[in-house]
C-alpha atoms as a PDB file:
ATOM      1  CA  UNK A   1     137.409  40.978 114.309  1.00  0.00           C
ATOM      2  CA  UNK A   2     134.280  38.894 114.929  1.00  0.00           C
ATOM      3  CA  UNK A   3     133.762  36.253 112.185  1.00  0.00           C
ATOM      4  CA  UNK A   4     130.445  34.386 112.126  1.00  0.00           C
ATOM      5  CA  UNK A   5     128.968  31.738 109.687  1.00  0.00           C
ATOM      6  CA  UNK A   6     125.253  31.296 109.149  1.00  0.00           C
ATOM      7  CA  UNK A   7     122.854  29.794 106.736  1.00  0.00           C
ATOM      8  CA  UNK A   8     120.513  32.181 105.004  1.00  0.00           C
ATOM      9  CA  UNK A   9     117.639  31.735 102.468  1.00  0.00           C
ATOM     10  CA  UNK A  10     117.370  34.348  99.579  1.00  0.00           C
ATOM     11  CA  UNK A  11     115.346  34.626  96.446  1.00  0.00           C
ATOM     12  CA  UNK A  12     118.325  32.702  94.938  1.00  0.00           C
ATOM     13  CA  UNK A  13     118.013  29.746  97.264  1.00  0.00           C
ATOM     14  CA  UNK A  14     119.968  28.537 100.145  1.00  0.00           C
ATOM     15  CA  UNK A  15     123.329  30.353 100.824  1.00  0.00           C
ATOM     16  CA  UNK A  16     125.858  30.706 103.427  1.00  0.00           C
ATOM     17  CA  UNK A  17     126.809  34.057 104.866  1.00  0.00           C
ATOM     18  CA  UNK A  18     130.180  34.953 106.601  1.00  0.00           C
ATOM     19  CA  UNK A  19     129.743  38.100 108.760  1.00  0.00           C
ATOM     20  CA  UNK A  20     132.922  40.202 109.482  1.00  0.00           C
ATOM     21  CA  UNK A  21     131.790  42.627 112.116  1.00  0.00           C
ATOM     22  CA  UNK A  22     129.255  44.658 109.887  1.00  0.00           C
ATOM     23  CA  UNK A  23     130.372  43.423 106.511  1.00  0.00           C
ATOM     24  CA  UNK A  24     128.653  40.308 105.070  1.00  0.00           C
ATOM     25  CA  UNK A  25     129.798  37.976 102.250  1.00  0.00           C
ATOM     26  CA  UNK A  26     127.624  35.399 100.727  1.00  0.00           C
ATOM     27  CA  UNK A  27     128.690  31.968  99.405  1.00  0.00           C
ATOM     28  CA  UNK A  28     126.847  29.270  97.382  1.00  0.00           C
ATOM     29  CA  UNK A  29     128.070  26.383  99.687  1.00  0.00           C
ATOM     30  CA  UNK A  30     129.169  25.967 103.294  1.00  0.00           C
ATOM     31  CA  UNK A  31     132.529  24.590 101.905  1.00  0.00           C
ATOM     32  CA  UNK A  32     133.232  27.826 100.044  1.00  0.00           C
ATOM     33  CA  UNK A  33     132.309  29.807 103.144  1.00  0.00           C
ATOM     34  CA  UNK A  34     134.521  27.757 105.434  1.00  0.00           C
ATOM     35  CA  UNK A  35     137.378  27.981 103.071  1.00  0.00           C
ATOM     36  CA  UNK A  36     137.098  31.801 102.963  1.00  0.00           C
ATOM     37  CA  UNK A  37     137.081  31.858 106.850  1.00  0.00           C
ATOM     38  CA  UNK A  38     140.206  29.565 106.931  1.00  0.00           C
ATOM     39  CA  UNK A  39     142.057  31.871 104.445  1.00  0.00           C
ATOM     40  CA  UNK A  40     141.007  35.036 106.321  1.00  0.00           C
ATOM     41  CA  UNK A  41     142.052  33.690 109.750  1.00  0.00           C
ATOM     42  CA  UNK A  42     145.422  32.489 108.389  1.00  0.00           C
ATOM     43  CA  UNK A  43     146.070  35.983 107.042  1.00  0.00           C
ATOM     44  CA  UNK A  44     145.047  37.691 110.255  1.00  0.00           C
ATOM     45  CA  UNK A  45     147.273  35.485 112.254  1.00  0.00           C
ATOM     46  CA  UNK A  46     150.229  35.833 109.979  1.00  0.00           C
ATOM     47  CA  UNK A  47     153.113  37.992 111.170  1.00  0.00           C
ATOM     48  CA  UNK A  48     152.755  41.541 109.955  1.00  0.00           C
ATOM     49  CA  UNK A  49     155.863  43.629 109.652  1.00  0.00           C
ATOM     50  CA  UNK A  50     155.608  47.322 109.645  1.00  0.00           C
ATOM     51  CA  UNK A  51     158.244  49.426 107.918  1.00  0.00           C
ATOM     52  CA  UNK A  52     160.602  51.382 110.194  1.00  0.00           C
ATOM     53  CA  UNK A  53     160.441  55.155 109.929  1.00  0.00           C
ATOM     54  CA  UNK A  54     163.704  56.643 108.877  1.00  0.00           C
ATOM     55  CA  UNK A  55     164.750  59.501 111.263  1.00  0.00           C
ATOM     56  CA  UNK A  56     166.066  62.455 109.330  1.00  0.00           C
ATOM     57  CA  UNK A  57     169.445  63.768 110.409  1.00  0.00           C
ATOM     58  CA  UNK A  58     169.096  67.182 111.941  1.00  0.00           C
ATOM     59  CA  UNK A  59     172.177  69.308 111.891  1.00  0.00           C
END
């Protein structure tokens, strides 16, 4: 997943945009955007355990 941070100007004023591949999320401040990125990266790097499939007994 590509994560990019860029400043943007909208009719609401100066904002910060985090792009996640093709999905974009806008924030009021750079600090909010960077906090979002930090949380997202921590979650992506966290260990993810997949449930084991139970094998049915054939007989």
